[in-house]
């Protein structure tokens, strides 16, 4: 069970951290359509990723 929760929560968390770091460090070399997206506030994106992580944890906890 521990390996499953690590996979279920670790993959989205790692994806969020890595993609955020890449977008922050490579801001000037992105294609124009990604530059346009990266200038907007990411609160909706971060909220949805956080919600999916939270729901995954809740689903795992309730299935035990």
PDB file of N, CA and C in Angstrom:
ATOM      1  N   UNK A   1       0.806  -1.201   0.000  1.00  0.00           N
ATOM      2  CA  UNK A   1       0.000   0.000   0.000  1.00  0.00           C
ATOM      3  C   UNK A   1       0.849   1.266   0.000  1.00  0.00           C
ATOM      4  N   UNK A   2       1.972   1.236   0.680  1.00  0.00           N
ATOM      5  CA  UNK A   2       2.813   2.430   0.744  1.00  0.00           C
ATOM      6  C   UNK A   2       3.371   2.787  -0.626  1.00  0.00           C
ATOM      7  N   UNK A   3       3.736   1.782  -1.395  1.00  0.00           N
ATOM      8  CA  UNK A   3       4.258   2.051  -2.736  1.00  0.00           C
ATOM      9  C   UNK A   3       3.188   2.661  -3.630  1.00  0.00           C
ATOM     10  N   UNK A   4       1.949   2.216  -3.441  1.00  0.00           N
ATOM     11  CA  UNK A   4       0.858   2.762  -4.257  1.00  0.00           C
ATOM     12  C   UNK A   4       0.606   4.229  -3.949  1.00  0.00           C
ATOM     13  N   UNK A   5       0.618   4.591  -2.684  1.00  0.00           N
ATOM     14  CA  UNK A   5       0.370   5.991  -2.329  1.00  0.00           C
ATOM     15  C   UNK A   5       1.537   6.865  -2.771  1.00  0.00           C
ATOM     16  N   UNK A   6       2.742   6.335  -2.703  1.00  0.00           N
ATOM     17  CA  UNK A   6       3.886   7.103  -3.184  1.00  0.00           C
ATOM     18  C   UNK A   6       3.792   7.349  -4.682  1.00  0.00           C
ATOM     19  N   UNK A   7       3.352   6.356  -5.429  1.00  0.00           N
ATOM     20  CA  UNK A   7       3.178   6.541  -6.866  1.00  0.00           C
ATOM     21  C   UNK A   7       2.022   7.485  -7.167  1.00  0.00           C
ATOM     22  N   UNK A   8       0.914   7.322  -6.464  1.00  0.00           N
ATOM     23  CA  UNK A   8      -0.275   8.124  -6.735  1.00  0.00           C
ATOM     24  C   UNK A   8      -0.072   9.595  -6.394  1.00  0.00           C
ATOM     25  N   UNK A   9       0.679   9.877  -5.366  1.00  0.00           N
ATOM     26  CA  UNK A   9       0.901  11.268  -4.969  1.00  0.00           C
ATOM     27  C   UNK A   9       2.257  11.799  -5.415  1.00  0.00           C
ATOM     28  N   UNK A  10       3.216  10.921  -5.571  1.00  0.00           N
ATOM     29  CA  UNK A  10       4.558  11.360  -5.937  1.00  0.00           C
ATOM     30  C   UNK A  10       4.679  11.800  -7.379  1.00  0.00           C
ATOM     31  N   UNK A  11       4.012  11.103  -8.281  1.00  0.00           N
ATOM     32  CA  UNK A  11       4.109  11.458  -9.704  1.00  0.00           C
ATOM     33  C   UNK A  11       3.499  12.831  -9.989  1.00  0.00           C
ATOM     34  N   UNK A  12       2.279  13.136  -9.534  1.00  0.00           N
ATOM     35  CA  UNK A  12       1.760  14.491  -9.795  1.00  0.00           C
ATOM     36  C   UNK A  12       2.570  15.588  -9.107  1.00  0.00           C
ATOM     37  N   UNK A  13       3.060  15.303  -7.899  1.00  0.00           N
ATOM     38  CA  UNK A  13       3.855  16.300  -7.185  1.00  0.00           C
ATOM     39  C   UNK A  13       5.170  16.551  -7.906  1.00  0.00           C
ATOM     40  N   UNK A  14       5.823  15.493  -8.335  1.00  0.00           N
ATOM     41  CA  UNK A  14       7.081  15.649  -9.066  1.00  0.00           C
ATOM     42  C   UNK A  14       6.853  16.381 -10.387  1.00  0.00           C
ATOM     43  N   UNK A  15       5.754  16.055 -11.065  1.00  0.00           N
ATOM     44  CA  UNK A  15       5.431  16.719 -12.332  1.00  0.00           C
ATOM     45  C   UNK A  15       5.219  18.215 -12.114  1.00  0.00           C
ATOM     46  N   UNK A  16       4.504  18.565 -11.067  1.00  0.00           N
ATOM     47  CA  UNK A  16       4.246  19.971 -10.768  1.00  0.00           C
ATOM     48  C   UNK A  16       5.543  20.713 -10.464  1.00  0.00           C
ATOM     49  N   UNK A  17       6.391  20.124  -9.648  1.00  0.00           N
ATOM     50  CA  UNK A  17       7.642  20.789  -9.277  1.00  0.00           C
ATOM     51  C   UNK A  17       8.599  20.914 -10.456  1.00  0.00           C
ATOM     52  N   UNK A  18       8.736  19.851 -11.231  1.00  0.00           N
ATOM     53  CA  UNK A  18       9.667  19.876 -12.364  1.00  0.00           C
ATOM     54  C   UNK A  18       9.184  20.829 -13.449  1.00  0.00           C
ATOM     55  N   UNK A  19       7.897  20.774 -13.781  1.00  0.00           N
ATOM     56  CA  UNK A  19       7.401  21.657 -14.836  1.00  0.00           C
ATOM     57  C   UNK A  19       7.452  23.119 -14.407  1.00  0.00           C
ATOM     58  N   UNK A  20       7.184  23.398 -13.144  1.00  0.00           N
ATOM     59  CA  UNK A  20       7.283  24.775 -12.658  1.00  0.00           C
ATOM     60  C   UNK A  20       8.727  25.263 -12.721  1.00  0.00           C
ATOM     61  N   UNK A  21       9.653  24.433 -12.305  1.00  0.00           N
ATOM     62  CA  UNK A  21      11.067  24.821 -12.351  1.00  0.00           C
ATOM     63  C   UNK A  21      11.528  25.061 -13.787  1.00  0.00           C
ATOM     64  N   UNK A  22      11.110  24.197 -14.706  1.00  0.00           N
ATOM     65  CA  UNK A  22      11.499  24.380 -16.102  1.00  0.00           C
ATOM     66  C   UNK A  22      10.902  25.651 -16.694  1.00  0.00           C
ATOM     67  N   UNK A  23       9.646  25.922 -16.396  1.00  0.00           N
ATOM     68  CA  UNK A  23       9.025  27.133 -16.931  1.00  0.00           C
ATOM     69  C   UNK A  23       9.656  28.393 -16.348  1.00  0.00           C
ATOM     70  N   UNK A  24      10.065  28.347 -15.103  1.00  0.00           N
ATOM     71  CA  UNK A  24      10.680  29.515 -14.495  1.00  0.00           C
ATOM     72  C   UNK A  24      12.099  29.741 -15.018  1.00  0.00           C
ATOM     73  N   UNK A  25      12.849  28.696 -15.231  1.00  0.00           N
ATOM     74  CA  UNK A  25      14.242  28.849 -15.649  1.00  0.00           C
ATOM     75  C   UNK A  25      14.400  29.089 -17.147  1.00  0.00           C
ATOM     76  N   UNK A  26      13.453  28.637 -17.969  1.00  0.00           N
ATOM     77  CA  UNK A  26      13.586  28.753 -19.418  1.00  0.00           C
ATOM     78  C   UNK A  26      12.564  29.704 -20.015  1.00  0.00           C
ATOM     79  N   UNK A  27      12.177  30.712 -19.284  1.00  0.00           N
ATOM     80  CA  UNK A  27      11.109  31.607 -19.708  1.00  0.00           C
ATOM     81  C   UNK A  27      11.399  32.286 -21.050  1.00  0.00           C
ATOM     82  N   UNK A  28      12.629  32.649 -21.312  1.00  0.00           N
ATOM     83  CA  UNK A  28      12.941  33.403 -22.523  1.00  0.00           C
ATOM     84  C   UNK A  28      13.054  32.521 -23.769  1.00  0.00           C
ATOM     85  N   UNK A  29      13.220  31.217 -23.611  1.00  0.00           N
ATOM     86  CA  UNK A  29      13.408  30.348 -24.765  1.00  0.00           C
ATOM     87  C   UNK A  29      12.155  29.539 -25.121  1.00  0.00           C
ATOM     88  N   UNK A  30      11.050  29.839 -24.474  1.00  0.00           N
ATOM     89  CA  UNK A  30       9.829  29.097 -24.772  1.00  0.00           C
ATOM     90  C   UNK A  30       9.211  29.566 -26.085  1.00  0.00           C
ATOM     91  N   UNK A  31       8.460  28.700 -26.759  1.00  0.00           N
ATOM     92  CA  UNK A  31       7.708  29.132 -27.940  1.00  0.00           C
ATOM     93  C   UNK A  31       6.678  30.198 -27.553  1.00  0.00           C
ATOM     94  N   UNK A  32       6.252  31.013 -28.514  1.00  0.00           N
ATOM     95  CA  UNK A  32       5.347  32.128 -28.191  1.00  0.00           C
ATOM     96  C   UNK A  32       4.041  31.714 -27.506  1.00  0.00           C
ATOM     97  N   UNK A  33       3.455  30.571 -27.896  1.00  0.00           N
ATOM     98  CA  UNK A  33       2.192  30.187 -27.263  1.00  0.00           C
ATOM     99  C   UNK A  33       2.393  29.789 -25.804  1.00  0.00           C
ATOM    100  N   UNK A  34       3.559  29.236 -25.455  1.00  0.00           N
ATOM    101  CA  UNK A  34       3.837  28.925 -24.061  1.00  0.00           C
ATOM    102  C   UNK A  34       4.213  30.172 -23.273  1.00  0.00           C
ATOM    103  N   UNK A  35       4.870  31.113 -23.928  1.00  0.00           N
ATOM    104  CA  UNK A  35       5.178  32.374 -23.255  1.00  0.00           C
ATOM    105  C   UNK A  35       3.896  33.098 -22.864  1.00  0.00           C
ATOM    106  N   UNK A  36       2.915  33.065 -23.743  1.00  0.00           N
ATOM    107  CA  UNK A  36       1.637  33.707 -23.452  1.00  0.00           C
ATOM    108  C   UNK A  36       0.959  33.044 -22.257  1.00  0.00           C
ATOM    109  N   UNK A  37       1.029  31.716 -22.176  1.00  0.00           N
ATOM    110  CA  UNK A  37       0.431  31.011 -21.049  1.00  0.00           C
ATOM    111  C   UNK A  37       1.197  31.250 -19.753  1.00  0.00           C
ATOM    112  N   UNK A  38       2.514  31.377 -19.843  1.00  0.00           N
ATOM    113  CA  UNK A  38       3.313  31.519 -18.629  1.00  0.00           C
ATOM    114  C   UNK A  38       3.235  32.920 -18.041  1.00  0.00           C
ATOM    115  N   UNK A  39       2.718  33.890 -18.799  1.00  0.00           N
ATOM    116  CA  UNK A  39       2.583  35.231 -18.232  1.00  0.00           C
ATOM    117  C   UNK A  39       1.325  35.359 -17.390  1.00  0.00           C
ATOM    118  N   UNK A  40       0.392  34.433 -17.509  1.00  0.00           N
ATOM    119  CA  UNK A  40      -0.832  34.467 -16.713  1.00  0.00           C
ATOM    120  C   UNK A  40      -0.583  33.869 -15.339  1.00  0.00           C
ATOM    121  N   UNK A  41      -1.452  34.205 -14.421  1.00  0.00           N
ATOM    122  CA  UNK A  41      -1.345  33.645 -13.080  1.00  0.00           C
ATOM    123  C   UNK A  41      -1.696  32.165 -13.107  1.00  0.00           C
ATOM    124  N   UNK A  42      -0.957  31.378 -12.406  1.00  0.00           N
ATOM    125  CA  UNK A  42      -1.148  29.936 -12.429  1.00  0.00           C
ATOM    126  C   UNK A  42      -1.994  29.415 -11.293  1.00  0.00           C
ATOM    127  N   UNK A  43      -2.814  30.267 -10.682  1.00  0.00           N
ATOM    128  CA  UNK A  43      -3.583  29.834  -9.520  1.00  0.00           C
ATOM    129  C   UNK A  43      -4.575  28.727  -9.874  1.00  0.00           C
ATOM    130  N   UNK A  44      -5.180  28.805 -11.034  1.00  0.00           N
ATOM    131  CA  UNK A  44      -6.157  27.769 -11.416  1.00  0.00           C
ATOM    132  C   UNK A  44      -5.443  26.442 -11.651  1.00  0.00           C
ATOM    133  N   UNK A  45      -4.330  26.482 -12.364  1.00  0.00           N
ATOM    134  CA  UNK A  45      -3.556  25.268 -12.632  1.00  0.00           C
ATOM    135  C   UNK A  45      -3.089  24.636 -11.325  1.00  0.00           C
ATOM    136  N   UNK A  46      -2.507  25.445 -10.450  1.00  0.00           N
ATOM    137  CA  UNK A  46      -2.001  24.920  -9.186  1.00  0.00           C
ATOM    138  C   UNK A  46      -3.136  24.387  -8.316  1.00  0.00           C
ATOM    139  N   UNK A  47      -4.274  25.054  -8.338  1.00  0.00           N
ATOM    140  CA  UNK A  47      -5.415  24.581  -7.554  1.00  0.00           C
ATOM    141  C   UNK A  47      -5.906  23.234  -8.072  1.00  0.00           C
ATOM    142  N   UNK A  48      -5.952  23.069  -9.378  1.00  0.00           N
ATOM    143  CA  UNK A  48      -6.428  21.801  -9.940  1.00  0.00           C
ATOM    144  C   UNK A  48      -5.448  20.658  -9.656  1.00  0.00           C
ATOM    145  N   UNK A  49      -4.153  20.924  -9.742  1.00  0.00           N
ATOM    146  CA  UNK A  49      -3.177  19.878  -9.420  1.00  0.00           C
ATOM    147  C   UNK A  49      -3.256  19.540  -7.939  1.00  0.00           C
ATOM    148  N   UNK A  50      -3.365  20.550  -7.095  1.00  0.00           N
ATOM    149  CA  UNK A  50      -3.502  20.307  -5.660  1.00  0.00           C
ATOM    150  C   UNK A  50      -4.773  19.543  -5.338  1.00  0.00           C
ATOM    151  N   UNK A  51      -5.854  19.871  -6.029  1.00  0.00           N
ATOM    152  CA  UNK A  51      -7.116  19.168  -5.834  1.00  0.00           C
ATOM    153  C   UNK A  51      -7.002  17.708  -6.251  1.00  0.00           C
ATOM    154  N   UNK A  52      -6.323  17.451  -7.365  1.00  0.00           N
ATOM    155  CA  UNK A  52      -6.164  16.057  -7.802  1.00  0.00           C
ATOM    156  C   UNK A  52      -5.286  15.272  -6.831  1.00  0.00           C
ATOM    157  N   UNK A  53      -4.273  15.907  -6.267  1.00  0.00           N
ATOM    158  CA  UNK A  53      -3.436  15.233  -5.267  1.00  0.00           C
ATOM    159  C   UNK A  53      -4.256  14.953  -4.016  1.00  0.00           C
ATOM    160  N   UNK A  54      -5.029  15.939  -3.586  1.00  0.00           N
ATOM    161  CA  UNK A  54      -5.865  15.753  -2.397  1.00  0.00           C
ATOM    162  C   UNK A  54      -6.927  14.686  -2.586  1.00  0.00           C
ATOM    163  N   UNK A  55      -7.572  14.678  -3.743  1.00  0.00           N
ATOM    164  CA  UNK A  55      -8.583  13.663  -4.013  1.00  0.00           C
ATOM    165  C   UNK A  55      -7.963  12.269  -4.119  1.00  0.00           C
ATOM    166  N   UNK A  56      -6.764  12.200  -4.668  1.00  0.00           N
ATOM    167  CA  UNK A  56      -6.061  10.899  -4.718  1.00  0.00           C
ATOM    168  C   UNK A  56      -5.760  10.387  -3.325  1.00  0.00           C
ATOM    169  N   UNK A  57      -5.336  11.284  -2.436  1.00  0.00           N
ATOM    170  CA  UNK A  57      -5.057  10.881  -1.057  1.00  0.00           C
ATOM    171  C   UNK A  57      -6.340  10.468  -0.339  1.00  0.00           C
ATOM    172  N   UNK A  58      -7.414  11.213  -0.578  1.00  0.00           N
ATOM    173  CA  UNK A  58      -8.690  10.879   0.047  1.00  0.00           C
ATOM    174  C   UNK A  58      -9.216   9.535  -0.457  1.00  0.00           C
ATOM    175  N   UNK A  59      -9.110   9.310  -1.738  1.00  0.00           N
ATOM    176  CA  UNK A  59      -9.559   8.026  -2.313  1.00  0.00           C
ATOM    177  C   UNK A  59      -8.758   6.879  -1.746  1.00  0.00           C
ATOM    178  N   UNK A  60      -7.452   7.070  -1.611  1.00  0.00           N
ATOM    179  CA  UNK A  60      -6.607   6.022  -1.056  1.00  0.00           C
ATOM    180  C   UNK A  60      -6.971   5.761   0.404  1.00  0.00           C
ATOM    181  N   UNK A  61      -7.202   6.831   1.171  1.00  0.00           N
ATOM    182  CA  UNK A  61      -7.520   6.671   2.587  1.00  0.00           C
ATOM    183  C   UNK A  61      -8.871   5.986   2.781  1.00  0.00           C
ATOM    184  N   UNK A  62      -9.832   6.317   1.935  1.00  0.00           N
ATOM    185  CA  UNK A  62     -11.154   5.714   2.081  1.00  0.00           C
ATOM    186  C   UNK A  62     -11.199   4.264   1.609  1.00  0.00           C
ATOM    187  N   UNK A  63     -10.290   3.891   0.720  1.00  0.00           N
ATOM    188  CA  UNK A  63     -10.289   2.512   0.239  1.00  0.00           C
ATOM    189  C   UNK A  63      -9.609   1.549   1.208  1.00  0.00           C
ATOM    190  N   UNK A  64      -8.924   2.089   2.183  1.00  0.00           N
ATOM    191  CA  UNK A  64      -8.245   1.229   3.166  1.00  0.00           C
ATOM    192  C   UNK A  64      -9.202   0.783   4.154  1.00  0.00           C
TER     193      UNK A  64
END
